[in-house]
Amino acid sequence: MKRSCECPKCGADISDTWQPAEWDVGINAGWFCDPCNLGVGDDGHYEPMEGDVPIMTAKEFRGDRPLGTPISELSGQPGDPRNPDDPRHAGYERFKRIARSYGYD
């Protein structure tokens, strides 16, 4: 699909003059209007094409829910073995589950 561009100075259609970037010589992608001797830079506008993979931010995906597990809900050490109601037990189990998901034992 050909990208279209119009010269901002004279209004001519300069779509057929588009050149890709040549970073090794310091040239950015864009078009060139010969009558005006004017280069028109590619603004990076991208038109979606069939087969593109949609990318979304974490905020779009999760909404206002926090990302990750708050450190206050984790514990790097098990709770007091004499107190089964110690909240650190649950935090330690959660910590171990997350560690296992990253491949740690």
Protein backbone atom coordinates (compact mmCIF):
# COMPACT_ATOMS: atom_id res chain seq x y z
CA MET A 1 0.00 0.00 0.00
CA LYS A 2 1.45 3.34 -1.11
CA ARG A 3 1.59 6.12 1.47
CA SER A 4 0.29 9.47 0.28
CA CYS A 5 1.73 12.90 0.96
CA GLU A 6 1.02 16.41 -0.20
CA CYS A 7 3.61 19.17 -0.33
CA PRO A 8 2.79 21.67 2.44
CA LYS A 9 4.08 24.57 0.32
CA CYS A 10 2.51 24.06 -3.15
CA GLY A 11 -0.06 21.32 -2.48
CA ALA A 12 1.30 18.94 -5.14
CA ASP A 13 0.97 15.19 -4.68
CA ILE A 14 4.49 13.95 -3.86
CA SER A 15 3.51 10.41 -2.83
CA ASP A 16 5.75 8.77 -5.44
CA THR A 17 8.90 10.40 -4.03
CA TRP A 18 8.85 8.61 -0.67
CA GLN A 19 12.22 7.21 0.41
CA PRO A 20 12.91 5.00 3.46
CA ALA A 21 15.34 6.12 6.14
CA GLU A 22 19.05 5.70 5.52
CA TRP A 23 20.45 6.08 9.02
CA ASP A 24 24.01 5.27 7.97
CA VAL A 25 24.12 8.54 6.00
CA GLY A 26 21.87 10.51 8.35
CA ILE A 27 18.74 10.69 6.19
CA ASN A 28 15.32 10.27 7.75
CA ALA A 29 12.41 8.76 5.84
CA GLY A 30 10.15 11.11 3.92
CA TRP A 31 9.18 12.75 0.65
CA PHE A 32 10.70 15.44 -1.55
CA CYS A 33 9.02 18.13 -3.63
CA ASP A 34 11.30 18.97 -6.61
CA PRO A 35 9.57 22.26 -7.67
CA CYS A 36 9.78 23.64 -4.12
CA ASN A 37 13.11 21.96 -3.29
CA LEU A 38 11.50 20.94 0.01
CA GLY A 39 11.94 17.78 2.02
CA VAL A 40 8.91 16.58 3.97
CA GLY A 41 9.80 14.31 6.88
CA ASP A 42 7.85 11.21 7.71
CA ASP A 43 5.99 12.00 10.92
CA GLY A 44 5.83 8.34 11.88
CA HIS A 45 2.10 8.08 11.24
CA TYR A 46 1.23 4.43 10.96
CA GLU A 47 -1.86 3.02 9.36
CA PRO A 48 -2.86 -0.37 10.81
CA MET A 49 -2.61 -3.28 8.42
CA GLU A 50 -4.25 -6.67 8.36
CA GLY A 51 -2.38 -9.11 10.57
CA ASP A 52 -1.03 -6.49 12.99
CA VAL A 53 -0.86 -7.61 16.60
CA PRO A 54 -2.75 -5.28 18.95
CA ILE A 55 -0.58 -3.96 21.79
CA MET A 56 -2.08 -2.53 24.94
CA THR A 57 -0.63 -0.95 28.05
CA ALA A 58 -0.91 -2.58 31.45
CA LYS A 59 -3.41 0.11 32.46
CA GLU A 60 -5.62 -0.71 29.46
CA PHE A 61 -5.38 -4.41 30.30
CA ARG A 62 -5.82 -4.24 34.08
CA GLY A 63 -7.77 -1.00 34.49
CA ASP A 64 -7.27 0.55 37.92
CA ARG A 65 -6.20 -2.71 39.56
CA PRO A 66 -2.63 -2.59 40.88
CA LEU A 67 0.07 -4.29 38.84
CA GLY A 68 1.83 -7.09 40.70
CA THR A 69 1.61 -8.15 44.32
CA PRO A 70 2.06 -5.54 47.07
CA ILE A 71 5.17 -6.33 49.11
CA SER A 72 3.07 -6.10 52.28
CA GLU A 73 1.24 -9.27 51.17
CA LEU A 74 4.46 -11.26 50.81
CA SER A 75 6.83 -12.68 53.37
CA GLY A 76 10.31 -14.03 52.71
CA GLN A 77 10.15 -16.11 55.89
CA PRO A 78 7.53 -18.50 57.20
CA GLY A 79 5.47 -17.48 60.19
CA ASP A 80 5.84 -18.73 63.74
CA PRO A 81 5.45 -22.54 63.58
CA ARG A 82 3.70 -22.50 66.98
CA ASN A 83 1.04 -20.08 65.70
CA PRO A 84 -0.88 -21.47 62.70
CA ASP A 85 -2.88 -18.21 62.47
CA ASP A 86 0.25 -16.12 61.85
CA PRO A 87 -0.50 -14.07 58.66
CA ARG A 88 3.11 -14.54 57.52
CA HIS A 89 2.27 -18.16 56.66
CA ALA A 90 -0.04 -17.07 53.81
CA GLY A 91 2.46 -14.43 52.65
CA TYR A 92 5.27 -16.98 52.58
CA GLU A 93 3.17 -19.46 50.58
CA ARG A 94 2.33 -16.70 48.10
CA PHE A 95 6.02 -15.74 47.92
CA LYS A 96 6.97 -19.37 47.16
CA ARG A 97 4.24 -19.65 44.49
CA ILE A 98 5.52 -16.52 42.72
CA ALA A 99 9.13 -17.74 42.99
CA ARG A 100 8.15 -21.09 41.45
CA SER A 101 6.48 -19.28 38.55
CA TYR A 102 9.90 -17.73 37.76
CA GLY A 103 11.59 -21.13 37.89
CA TYR A 104 13.01 -20.99 41.42
CA ASP A 105 12.55 -23.88 43.87
